[in-house]
PDB file of N, CA and C in Angstrom:
ATOM      1  N   MET A   1      41.382 -15.513 -43.509  1.00  0.00           N
ATOM      2  CA  MET A   1      40.472 -16.628 -43.564  1.00  0.00           C
ATOM      3  C   MET A   1      39.881 -16.863 -42.192  1.00  0.00           C
ATOM      4  N   SER A   2      38.620 -17.191 -42.214  1.00  0.00           N
ATOM      5  CA  SER A   2      37.934 -17.359 -40.946  1.00  0.00           C
ATOM      6  C   SER A   2      37.930 -18.801 -40.462  1.00  0.00           C
ATOM      7  N   GLY A   3      38.309 -19.759 -41.313  1.00  0.00           N
ATOM      8  CA  GLY A   3      38.310 -21.154 -40.916  1.00  0.00           C
ATOM      9  C   GLY A   3      36.951 -21.823 -41.069  1.00  0.00           C
ATOM     10  N   VAL A   4      35.992 -21.133 -41.643  1.00  0.00           N
ATOM     11  CA  VAL A   4      34.668 -21.696 -41.855  1.00  0.00           C
ATOM     12  C   VAL A   4      34.619 -22.304 -43.255  1.00  0.00           C
ATOM     13  N   ASP A   5      34.091 -23.506 -43.353  1.00  0.00           N
ATOM     14  CA  ASP A   5      33.986 -24.177 -44.654  1.00  0.00           C
ATOM     15  C   ASP A   5      32.787 -23.615 -45.399  1.00  0.00           C
ATOM     16  N   THR A   6      33.055 -23.007 -46.547  1.00  0.00           N
ATOM     17  CA  THR A   6      31.973 -22.403 -47.332  1.00  0.00           C
ATOM     18  C   THR A   6      31.690 -23.201 -48.595  1.00  0.00           C
ATOM     19  N   SER A   7      32.288 -24.387 -48.725  1.00  0.00           N
ATOM     20  CA  SER A   7      32.030 -25.191 -49.920  1.00  0.00           C
ATOM     21  C   SER A   7      30.621 -25.752 -49.847  1.00  0.00           C
ATOM     22  N   PRO A   8      30.014 -26.008 -51.048  1.00  0.00           N
ATOM     23  CA  PRO A   8      28.651 -26.545 -51.046  1.00  0.00           C
ATOM     24  C   PRO A   8      28.621 -27.925 -50.395  1.00  0.00           C
ATOM     25  N   PRO A   9      27.497 -28.259 -49.766  1.00  0.00           N
ATOM     26  CA  PRO A   9      27.412 -29.574 -49.099  1.00  0.00           C
ATOM     27  C   PRO A   9      27.470 -30.712 -50.117  1.00  0.00           C
ATOM     28  N   VAL A  10      28.104 -31.781 -49.718  1.00  0.00           N
ATOM     29  CA  VAL A  10      28.185 -32.974 -50.554  1.00  0.00           C
ATOM     30  C   VAL A  10      26.960 -33.828 -50.254  1.00  0.00           C
ATOM     31  N   PRO A  11      26.208 -34.233 -51.316  1.00  0.00           N
ATOM     32  CA  PRO A  11      25.015 -35.056 -51.058  1.00  0.00           C
ATOM     33  C   PRO A  11      25.396 -36.418 -50.492  1.00  0.00           C
ATOM     34  N   GLU A  12      24.536 -36.926 -49.649  1.00  0.00           N
ATOM     35  CA  GLU A  12      24.746 -38.254 -49.068  1.00  0.00           C
ATOM     36  C   GLU A  12      24.627 -39.297 -50.186  1.00  0.00           C
ATOM     37  N   PRO A  13      25.500 -40.290 -50.191  1.00  0.00           N
ATOM     38  CA  PRO A  13      25.397 -41.317 -51.228  1.00  0.00           C
ATOM     39  C   PRO A  13      24.137 -42.159 -51.021  1.00  0.00           C
ATOM     40  N   VAL A  14      23.576 -42.581 -52.133  1.00  0.00           N
ATOM     41  CA  VAL A  14      22.409 -43.463 -52.083  1.00  0.00           C
ATOM     42  C   VAL A  14      22.882 -44.820 -51.585  1.00  0.00           C
ATOM     43  N   ALA A  15      22.093 -45.430 -50.743  1.00  0.00           N
ATOM     44  CA  ALA A  15      22.472 -46.728 -50.175  1.00  0.00           C
ATOM     45  C   ALA A  15      22.612 -47.756 -51.288  1.00  0.00           C
ATOM     46  N   ASP A  16      23.802 -48.278 -51.440  1.00  0.00           N
ATOM     47  CA  ASP A  16      24.078 -49.315 -52.426  1.00  0.00           C
ATOM     48  C   ASP A  16      23.954 -50.657 -51.717  1.00  0.00           C
ATOM     49  N   PRO A  17      23.163 -51.581 -52.287  1.00  0.00           N
ATOM     50  CA  PRO A  17      23.023 -52.872 -51.613  1.00  0.00           C
ATOM     51  C   PRO A  17      24.341 -53.624 -51.516  1.00  0.00           C
ATOM     52  N   GLY A  18      25.309 -53.250 -52.326  1.00  0.00           N
ATOM     53  CA  GLY A  18      26.618 -53.890 -52.250  1.00  0.00           C
ATOM     54  C   GLY A  18      26.632 -55.233 -52.944  1.00  0.00           C
ATOM     55  N   PRO A  19      27.820 -55.694 -53.276  1.00  0.00           N
ATOM     56  CA  PRO A  19      27.920 -56.960 -54.002  1.00  0.00           C
ATOM     57  C   PRO A  19      27.427 -58.153 -53.193  1.00  0.00           C
ATOM     58  N   GLY A  20      27.551 -58.115 -51.877  1.00  0.00           N
ATOM     59  CA  GLY A  20      27.100 -59.237 -51.051  1.00  0.00           C
ATOM     60  C   GLY A  20      25.607 -59.457 -51.154  1.00  0.00           C
ATOM     61  N   ARG A  21      24.851 -58.387 -51.062  1.00  0.00           N
ATOM     62  CA  ARG A  21      23.385 -58.519 -51.146  1.00  0.00           C
ATOM     63  C   ARG A  21      22.945 -58.901 -52.552  1.00  0.00           C
ATOM     64  N   ARG A  22      23.638 -58.382 -53.547  1.00  0.00           N
ATOM     65  CA  ARG A  22      23.296 -58.758 -54.929  1.00  0.00           C
ATOM     66  C   ARG A  22      23.584 -60.233 -55.158  1.00  0.00           C
ATOM     67  N   LEU A  23      24.696 -60.717 -54.631  1.00  0.00           N
ATOM     68  CA  LEU A  23      25.022 -62.135 -54.791  1.00  0.00           C
ATOM     69  C   LEU A  23      23.993 -63.021 -54.099  1.00  0.00           C
ATOM     70  N   VAL A  24      23.526 -62.609 -52.957  1.00  0.00           N
ATOM     71  CA  VAL A  24      22.488 -63.370 -52.259  1.00  0.00           C
ATOM     72  C   VAL A  24      21.226 -63.419 -53.116  1.00  0.00           C
ATOM     73  N   ALA A  25      20.839 -62.293 -53.700  1.00  0.00           N
ATOM     74  CA  ALA A  25      19.645 -62.253 -54.555  1.00  0.00           C
ATOM     75  C   ALA A  25      19.824 -63.149 -55.777  1.00  0.00           C
ATOM     76  N   ILE A  26      21.002 -63.098 -56.391  1.00  0.00           N
ATOM     77  CA  ILE A  26      21.268 -63.963 -57.543  1.00  0.00           C
ATOM     78  C   ILE A  26      21.231 -65.430 -57.122  1.00  0.00           C
ATOM     79  N   GLY A  27      21.782 -65.730 -55.962  1.00  0.00           N
ATOM     80  CA  GLY A  27      21.772 -67.114 -55.469  1.00  0.00           C
ATOM     81  C   GLY A  27      20.366 -67.652 -55.288  1.00  0.00           C
ATOM     82  N   TRP A  28      19.487 -66.842 -54.705  1.00  0.00           N
ATOM     83  CA  TRP A  28      18.107 -67.307 -54.506  1.00  0.00           C
ATOM     84  C   TRP A  28      17.347 -67.389 -55.824  1.00  0.00           C
ATOM     85  N   ALA A  29      17.622 -66.493 -56.768  1.00  0.00           N
ATOM     86  CA  ALA A  29      16.983 -66.574 -58.091  1.00  0.00           C
ATOM     87  C   ALA A  29      17.438 -67.848 -58.808  1.00  0.00           C
ATOM     88  N   ALA A  30      18.725 -68.159 -58.715  1.00  0.00           N
ATOM     89  CA  ALA A  30      19.244 -69.389 -59.321  1.00  0.00           C
ATOM     90  C   ALA A  30      18.643 -70.624 -58.656  1.00  0.00           C
ATOM     91  N   THR A  31      18.436 -70.559 -57.359  1.00  0.00           N
ATOM     92  CA  THR A  31      17.800 -71.658 -56.635  1.00  0.00           C
ATOM     93  C   THR A  31      16.389 -71.900 -57.172  1.00  0.00           C
ATOM     94  N   ALA A  32      15.636 -70.832 -57.327  1.00  0.00           N
ATOM     95  CA  ALA A  32      14.260 -70.957 -57.836  1.00  0.00           C
ATOM     96  C   ALA A  32      14.258 -71.579 -59.231  1.00  0.00           C
ATOM     97  N   MET A  33      15.165 -71.143 -60.093  1.00  0.00           N
ATOM     98  CA  MET A  33      15.207 -71.687 -61.448  1.00  0.00           C
ATOM     99  C   MET A  33      15.651 -73.144 -61.455  1.00  0.00           C
ATOM    100  N   SER A  34      16.527 -73.530 -60.560  1.00  0.00           N
ATOM    101  CA  SER A  34      16.931 -74.932 -60.470  1.00  0.00           C
ATOM    102  C   SER A  34      15.764 -75.809 -60.051  1.00  0.00           C
ATOM    103  N   VAL A  35      14.992 -75.327 -59.106  1.00  0.00           N
ATOM    104  CA  VAL A  35      13.818 -76.092 -58.660  1.00  0.00           C
ATOM    105  C   VAL A  35      12.847 -76.259 -59.825  1.00  0.00           C
ATOM    106  N   VAL A  36      12.606 -75.195 -60.576  1.00  0.00           N
ATOM    107  CA  VAL A  36      11.715 -75.279 -61.749  1.00  0.00           C
ATOM    108  C   VAL A  36      12.270 -76.295 -62.750  1.00  0.00           C
ATOM    109  N   MET A  37      13.579 -76.268 -62.976  1.00  0.00           N
ATOM    110  CA  MET A  37      14.199 -77.201 -63.918  1.00  0.00           C
ATOM    111  C   MET A  37      13.970 -78.647 -63.468  1.00  0.00           C
ATOM    112  N   TYR A  38      14.154 -78.929 -62.197  1.00  0.00           N
ATOM    113  CA  TYR A  38      13.991 -80.300 -61.729  1.00  0.00           C
ATOM    114  C   TYR A  38      12.522 -80.709 -61.653  1.00  0.00           C
ATOM    115  N   LEU A  39      11.623 -79.759 -61.536  1.00  0.00           N
ATOM    116  CA  LEU A  39      10.194 -80.098 -61.571  1.00  0.00           C
ATOM    117  C   LEU A  39       9.792 -80.645 -62.939  1.00  0.00           C
ATOM    118  N   SER A  40      10.577 -80.331 -63.966  1.00  0.00           N
ATOM    119  CA  SER A  40      10.266 -80.869 -65.297  1.00  0.00           C
ATOM    120  C   SER A  40      10.376 -82.393 -65.320  1.00  0.00           C
ATOM    121  N   TYR A  41      11.056 -82.977 -64.358  1.00  0.00           N
ATOM    122  CA  TYR A  41      11.120 -84.442 -64.282  1.00  0.00           C
ATOM    123  C   TYR A  41       9.758 -85.058 -63.967  1.00  0.00           C
ATOM    124  N   LEU A  42       8.853 -84.286 -63.396  1.00  0.00           N
ATOM    125  CA  LEU A  42       7.521 -84.835 -63.089  1.00  0.00           C
ATOM    126  C   LEU A  42       6.839 -85.353 -64.347  1.00  0.00           C
ATOM    127  N   ASP A  43       6.999 -84.633 -65.464  1.00  0.00           N
ATOM    128  CA  ASP A  43       6.418 -85.086 -66.725  1.00  0.00           C
ATOM    129  C   ASP A  43       7.051 -86.399 -67.178  1.00  0.00           C
ATOM    130  N   GLN A  44       8.373 -86.496 -67.071  1.00  0.00           N
ATOM    131  CA  GLN A  44       9.043 -87.730 -67.474  1.00  0.00           C
ATOM    132  C   GLN A  44       8.637 -88.891 -66.577  1.00  0.00           C
ATOM    133  N   ILE A  45       8.506 -88.640 -65.297  1.00  0.00           N
ATOM    134  CA  ILE A  45       8.090 -89.695 -64.364  1.00  0.00           C
ATOM    135  C   ILE A  45       6.693 -90.189 -64.730  1.00  0.00           C
ATOM    136  N   ALA A  46       5.774 -89.265 -64.995  1.00  0.00           N
ATOM    137  CA  ALA A  46       4.406 -89.642 -65.376  1.00  0.00           C
ATOM    138  C   ALA A  46       4.410 -90.460 -66.662  1.00  0.00           C
ATOM    139  N   ARG A  47       5.183 -90.046 -67.648  1.00  0.00           N
ATOM    140  CA  ARG A  47       5.253 -90.796 -68.907  1.00  0.00           C
ATOM    141  C   ARG A  47       5.859 -92.185 -68.683  1.00  0.00           C
ATOM    142  N   ASN A  48       6.894 -92.249 -67.856  1.00  0.00           N
ATOM    143  CA  ASN A  48       7.496 -93.553 -67.558  1.00  0.00           C
ATOM    144  C   ASN A  48       6.477 -94.493 -66.940  1.00  0.00           C
ATOM    145  N   LEU A  49       5.673 -93.972 -66.022  1.00  0.00           N
ATOM    146  CA  LEU A  49       4.683 -94.804 -65.333  1.00  0.00           C
ATOM    147  C   LEU A  49       3.540 -95.220 -66.255  1.00  0.00           C
ATOM    148  N   HIS A  50       3.345 -94.484 -67.344  1.00  0.00           N
ATOM    149  CA  HIS A  50       2.286 -94.819 -68.299  1.00  0.00           C
ATOM    150  C   HIS A  50       2.819 -95.543 -69.533  1.00  0.00           C
ATOM    151  N   GLY A  51       4.032 -96.101 -69.427  1.00  0.00           N
ATOM    152  CA  GLY A  51       4.545 -96.957 -70.486  1.00  0.00           C
ATOM    153  C   GLY A  51       5.401 -96.276 -71.531  1.00  0.00           C
ATOM    154  N   GLN A  52       5.533 -94.962 -71.514  1.00  0.00           N
ATOM    155  CA  GLN A  52       6.389 -94.260 -72.478  1.00  0.00           C
ATOM    156  C   GLN A  52       7.741 -94.003 -71.816  1.00  0.00           C
ATOM    157  N   LYS A  53       8.555 -95.030 -71.789  1.00  0.00           N
ATOM    158  CA  LYS A  53       9.815 -94.977 -71.047  1.00  0.00           C
ATOM    159  C   LYS A  53      10.796 -93.979 -71.665  1.00  0.00           C
ATOM    160  N   GLY A  54      11.412 -93.219 -70.798  1.00  0.00           N
ATOM    161  CA  GLY A  54      12.473 -92.306 -71.201  1.00  0.00           C
ATOM    162  C   GLY A  54      13.810 -92.896 -70.788  1.00  0.00           C
ATOM    163  N   SER A  55      14.853 -92.158 -71.072  1.00  0.00           N
ATOM    164  CA  SER A  55      16.198 -92.608 -70.706  1.00  0.00           C
ATOM    165  C   SER A  55      16.406 -92.464 -69.201  1.00  0.00           C
ATOM    166  N   TRP A  56      17.139 -93.378 -68.622  1.00  0.00           N
ATOM    167  CA  TRP A  56      17.467 -93.314 -67.197  1.00  0.00           C
ATOM    168  C   TRP A  56      18.826 -92.663 -66.963  1.00  0.00           C
ATOM    169  N   VAL A  57      19.614 -92.496 -68.041  1.00  0.00           N
ATOM    170  CA  VAL A  57      20.995 -92.036 -67.904  1.00  0.00           C
ATOM    171  C   VAL A  57      21.059 -90.576 -67.435  1.00  0.00           C
ATOM    172  N   GLN A  58      20.367 -89.680 -68.113  1.00  0.00           N
ATOM    173  CA  GLN A  58      20.453 -88.260 -67.768  1.00  0.00           C
ATOM    174  C   GLN A  58      19.917 -87.977 -66.365  1.00  0.00           C
ATOM    175  N   PRO A  59      18.729 -88.508 -65.977  1.00  0.00           N
ATOM    176  CA  PRO A  59      18.267 -88.249 -64.610  1.00  0.00           C
ATOM    177  C   PRO A  59      19.193 -88.822 -63.545  1.00  0.00           C
ATOM    178  N   LEU A  60      19.803 -89.979 -63.812  1.00  0.00           N
ATOM    179  CA  LEU A  60      20.741 -90.551 -62.846  1.00  0.00           C
ATOM    180  C   LEU A  60      21.984 -89.666 -62.716  1.00  0.00           C
ATOM    181  N   ALA A  61      22.493 -89.184 -63.852  1.00  0.00           N
ATOM    182  CA  ALA A  61      23.654 -88.287 -63.811  1.00  0.00           C
ATOM    183  C   ALA A  61      23.310 -86.998 -63.068  1.00  0.00           C
ATOM    184  N   ALA A  62      22.105 -86.468 -63.301  1.00  0.00           N
ATOM    185  CA  ALA A  62      21.678 -85.252 -62.596  1.00  0.00           C
ATOM    186  C   ALA A  62      21.578 -85.515 -61.099  1.00  0.00           C
ATOM    187  N   MET A  63      21.043 -86.667 -60.719  1.00  0.00           N
ATOM    188  CA  MET A  63      20.920 -86.999 -59.303  1.00  0.00           C
ATOM    189  C   MET A  63      22.294 -87.063 -58.630  1.00  0.00           C
ATOM    190  N   ILE A  64      23.251 -87.701 -59.291  1.00  0.00           N
ATOM    191  CA  ILE A  64      24.599 -87.811 -58.721  1.00  0.00           C
ATOM    192  C   ILE A  64      25.231 -86.426 -58.602  1.00  0.00           C
ATOM    193  N   ALA A  65      25.089 -85.604 -59.639  1.00  0.00           N
ATOM    194  CA  ALA A  65      25.636 -84.242 -59.582  1.00  0.00           C
ATOM    195  C   ALA A  65      24.994 -83.441 -58.453  1.00  0.00           C
ATOM    196  N   CYS A  66      23.692 -83.609 -58.279  1.00  0.00           N
ATOM    197  CA  CYS A  66      22.984 -82.882 -57.217  1.00  0.00           C
ATOM    198  C   CYS A  66      23.412 -83.350 -55.829  1.00  0.00           C
ATOM    199  N   ILE A  67      23.662 -84.641 -55.691  1.00  0.00           N
ATOM    200  CA  ILE A  67      24.170 -85.156 -54.412  1.00  0.00           C
ATOM    201  C   ILE A  67      25.513 -84.514 -54.093  1.00  0.00           C
ATOM    202  N   LEU A  68      26.386 -84.450 -55.092  1.00  0.00           N
ATOM    203  CA  LEU A  68      27.714 -83.873 -54.874  1.00  0.00           C
ATOM    204  C   LEU A  68      27.626 -82.379 -54.555  1.00  0.00           C
ATOM    205  N   TRP A  69      26.858 -81.618 -55.355  1.00  0.00           N
ATOM    206  CA  TRP A  69      26.737 -80.177 -55.104  1.00  0.00           C
ATOM    207  C   TRP A  69      26.013 -79.903 -53.800  1.00  0.00           C
ATOM    208  N   GLY A  70      24.974 -80.669 -53.489  1.00  0.00           N
ATOM    209  CA  GLY A  70      24.268 -80.483 -52.227  1.00  0.00           C
ATOM    210  C   GLY A  70      25.164 -80.769 -51.031  1.00  0.00           C
ATOM    211  N   SER A  71      25.978 -81.819 -51.146  1.00  0.00           N
ATOM    212  CA  SER A  71      26.929 -82.142 -50.081  1.00  0.00           C
ATOM    213  C   SER A  71      27.956 -81.032 -49.919  1.00  0.00           C
ATOM    214  N   TYR A  72      28.440 -80.517 -51.030  1.00  0.00           N
ATOM    215  CA  TYR A  72      29.399 -79.408 -50.989  1.00  0.00           C
ATOM    216  C   TYR A  72      28.797 -78.222 -50.234  1.00  0.00           C
ATOM    217  N   GLY A  73      27.542 -77.906 -50.554  1.00  0.00           N
ATOM    218  CA  GLY A  73      26.877 -76.791 -49.875  1.00  0.00           C
ATOM    219  C   GLY A  73      26.655 -77.045 -48.394  1.00  0.00           C
ATOM    220  N   LEU A  74      26.366 -78.296 -48.039  1.00  0.00           N
ATOM    221  CA  LEU A  74      26.134 -78.640 -46.633  1.00  0.00           C
ATOM    222  C   LEU A  74      27.405 -78.620 -45.796  1.00  0.00           C
ATOM    223  N   PHE A  75      28.504 -79.027 -46.382  1.00  0.00           N
ATOM    224  CA  PHE A  75      29.720 -79.196 -45.605  1.00  0.00           C
ATOM    225  C   PHE A  75      30.668 -78.008 -45.662  1.00  0.00           C
ATOM    226  N   ARG A  76      30.230 -76.915 -46.251  1.00  0.00           N
ATOM    227  CA  ARG A  76      31.044 -75.699 -46.195  1.00  0.00           C
ATOM    228  C   ARG A  76      31.075 -75.190 -44.756  1.00  0.00           C
ATOM    229  N   ARG A  77      32.011 -74.337 -44.464  1.00  0.00           N
ATOM    230  CA  ARG A  77      32.112 -73.780 -43.106  1.00  0.00           C
ATOM    231  C   ARG A  77      30.771 -73.177 -42.689  1.00  0.00           C
ATOM    232  N   ARG A  78      30.161 -72.443 -43.578  1.00  0.00           N
ATOM    233  CA  ARG A  78      28.816 -71.899 -43.359  1.00  0.00           C
ATOM    234  C   ARG A  78      27.928 -72.514 -44.426  1.00  0.00           C
ATOM    235  N   ILE A  79      26.851 -73.185 -44.050  1.00  0.00           N
ATOM    236  CA  ILE A  79      26.004 -73.889 -45.014  1.00  0.00           C
ATOM    237  C   ILE A  79      25.521 -72.916 -46.081  1.00  0.00           C
ATOM    238  N   ASP A  80      25.662 -73.325 -47.327  1.00  0.00           N
ATOM    239  CA  ASP A  80      25.221 -72.531 -48.472  1.00  0.00           C
ATOM    240  C   ASP A  80      23.804 -72.988 -48.835  1.00  0.00           C
ATOM    241  N   TRP A  81      22.811 -72.382 -48.175  1.00  0.00           N
ATOM    242  CA  TRP A  81      21.423 -72.828 -48.327  1.00  0.00           C
ATOM    243  C   TRP A  81      20.900 -72.734 -49.752  1.00  0.00           C
ATOM    244  N   PRO A  82      21.168 -71.656 -50.509  1.00  0.00           N
ATOM    245  CA  PRO A  82      20.687 -71.661 -51.894  1.00  0.00           C
ATOM    246  C   PRO A  82      21.221 -72.852 -52.692  1.00  0.00           C
ATOM    247  N   LEU A  83      22.475 -73.199 -52.480  1.00  0.00           N
ATOM    248  CA  LEU A  83      23.068 -74.333 -53.198  1.00  0.00           C
ATOM    249  C   LEU A  83      22.428 -75.649 -52.759  1.00  0.00           C
ATOM    250  N   VAL A  84      22.233 -75.817 -51.479  1.00  0.00           N
ATOM    251  CA  VAL A  84      21.631 -77.055 -50.958  1.00  0.00           C
ATOM    252  C   VAL A  84      20.193 -77.194 -51.453  1.00  0.00           C
ATOM    253  N   LEU A  85      19.408 -76.136 -51.311  1.00  0.00           N
ATOM    254  CA  LEU A  85      17.991 -76.201 -51.693  1.00  0.00           C
ATOM    255  C   LEU A  85      17.799 -76.302 -53.200  1.00  0.00           C
ATOM    256  N   ALA A  86      18.725 -75.736 -53.968  1.00  0.00           N
ATOM    257  CA  ALA A  86      18.631 -75.836 -55.426  1.00  0.00           C
ATOM    258  C   ALA A  86      18.825 -77.276 -55.896  1.00  0.00           C
ATOM    259  N   ASN A  87      19.602 -78.049 -55.164  1.00  0.00           N
ATOM    260  CA  ASN A  87      19.922 -79.406 -55.592  1.00  0.00           C
ATOM    261  C   ASN A  87      19.051 -80.480 -54.966  1.00  0.00           C
ATOM    262  N   ALA A  88      18.337 -80.170 -53.895  1.00  0.00           N
ATOM    263  CA  ALA A  88      17.487 -81.171 -53.232  1.00  0.00           C
ATOM    264  C   ALA A  88      16.437 -81.772 -54.164  1.00  0.00           C
ATOM    265  N   PRO A  89      15.699 -80.972 -54.951  1.00  0.00           N
ATOM    266  CA  PRO A  89      14.720 -81.592 -55.848  1.00  0.00           C
ATOM    267  C   PRO A  89      15.372 -82.474 -56.909  1.00  0.00           C
ATOM    268  N   GLY A  90      16.561 -82.128 -57.336  1.00  0.00           N
ATOM    269  CA  GLY A  90      17.258 -82.945 -58.333  1.00  0.00           C
ATOM    270  C   GLY A  90      17.626 -84.310 -57.799  1.00  0.00           C
ATOM    271  N   ILE A  91      17.923 -84.386 -56.519  1.00  0.00           N
ATOM    272  CA  ILE A  91      18.238 -85.679 -55.908  1.00  0.00           C
ATOM    273  C   ILE A  91      16.994 -86.569 -55.922  1.00  0.00           C
ATOM    274  N   VAL A  92      15.894 -86.026 -55.437  1.00  0.00           N
ATOM    275  CA  VAL A  92      14.658 -86.807 -55.326  1.00  0.00           C
ATOM    276  C   VAL A  92      14.054 -87.100 -56.701  1.00  0.00           C
ATOM    277  N   LEU A  93      13.839 -86.052 -57.487  1.00  0.00           N
ATOM    278  CA  LEU A  93      13.146 -86.234 -58.766  1.00  0.00           C
ATOM    279  C   LEU A  93      14.036 -86.897 -59.813  1.00  0.00           C
ATOM    280  N   GLY A  94      15.338 -86.621 -59.793  1.00  0.00           N
ATOM    281  CA  GLY A  94      16.247 -87.331 -60.708  1.00  0.00           C
ATOM    282  C   GLY A  94      16.262 -88.818 -60.396  1.00  0.00           C
ATOM    283  N   GLY A  95      16.291 -89.149 -59.104  1.00  0.00           N
ATOM    284  CA  GLY A  95      16.246 -90.555 -58.710  1.00  0.00           C
ATOM    285  C   GLY A  95      14.955 -91.233 -59.111  1.00  0.00           C
ATOM    286  N   LEU A  96      13.839 -90.524 -58.897  1.00  0.00           N
ATOM    287  CA  LEU A  96      12.535 -91.090 -59.297  1.00  0.00           C
ATOM    288  C   LEU A  96      12.427 -91.267 -60.811  1.00  0.00           C
ATOM    289  N   ALA A  97      12.916 -90.283 -61.570  1.00  0.00           N
ATOM    290  CA  ALA A  97      12.849 -90.377 -63.023  1.00  0.00           C
ATOM    291  C   ALA A  97      13.707 -91.547 -63.527  1.00  0.00           C
ATOM    292  N   ALA A  98      14.901 -91.712 -62.960  1.00  0.00           N
ATOM    293  CA  ALA A  98      15.759 -92.836 -63.364  1.00  0.00           C
ATOM    294  C   ALA A  98      15.131 -94.162 -62.979  1.00  0.00           C
ATOM    295  N   ALA A  99      14.604 -94.245 -61.763  1.00  0.00           N
ATOM    296  CA  ALA A  99      14.016 -95.504 -61.287  1.00  0.00           C
ATOM    297  C   ALA A  99      12.786 -95.895 -62.101  1.00  0.00           C
ATOM    298  N   THR A 100      11.922 -94.917 -62.400  1.00  0.00           N
ATOM    299  CA  THR A 100      10.717 -95.269 -63.165  1.00  0.00           C
ATOM    300  C   THR A 100      11.032 -95.584 -64.611  1.00  0.00           C
ATOM    301  N   ALA A 101      12.134 -95.044 -65.151  1.00  0.00           N
ATOM    302  CA  ALA A 101      12.536 -95.388 -66.510  1.00  0.00           C
ATOM    303  C   ALA A 101      13.037 -96.820 -66.575  1.00  0.00           C
ATOM    304  N   LEU A 102      13.635 -97.300 -65.500  1.00  0.00           N
ATOM    305  CA  LEU A 102      14.147 -98.663 -65.455  1.00  0.00           C
ATOM    306  C   LEU A 102      13.072 -99.693 -65.133  1.00  0.00           C
ATOM    307  N   ARG A 103      12.014 -99.248 -64.559  1.00  0.00           N
ATOM    308  CA  ARG A 103      10.938-100.135 -64.083  1.00  0.00           C
ATOM    309  C   ARG A 103      10.139-100.723 -65.199  1.00  0.00           C
TER     310      ARG A 103
END
């Protein structure tokens, strides 16, 4: 034996984004969908202001949940920006929807 490797070359693996990068992508996609969900309160706010009052219970509950989740994201060792940004519109728009329903 000559000590020379005669086996066929092994192809280089294709770069896998890895679970970390996929989780980041999923987090930002979920953030976008949460913002869209809370934008639906704009219709309820408009109807409330035009005399077609909706319930104040669900938007208030959403606002409280968003405050808690947003706080959780802010106070982690490393701020979880997708979590914080996903809940920010729910705090503002949930509060507005509840307030205009009571008005």
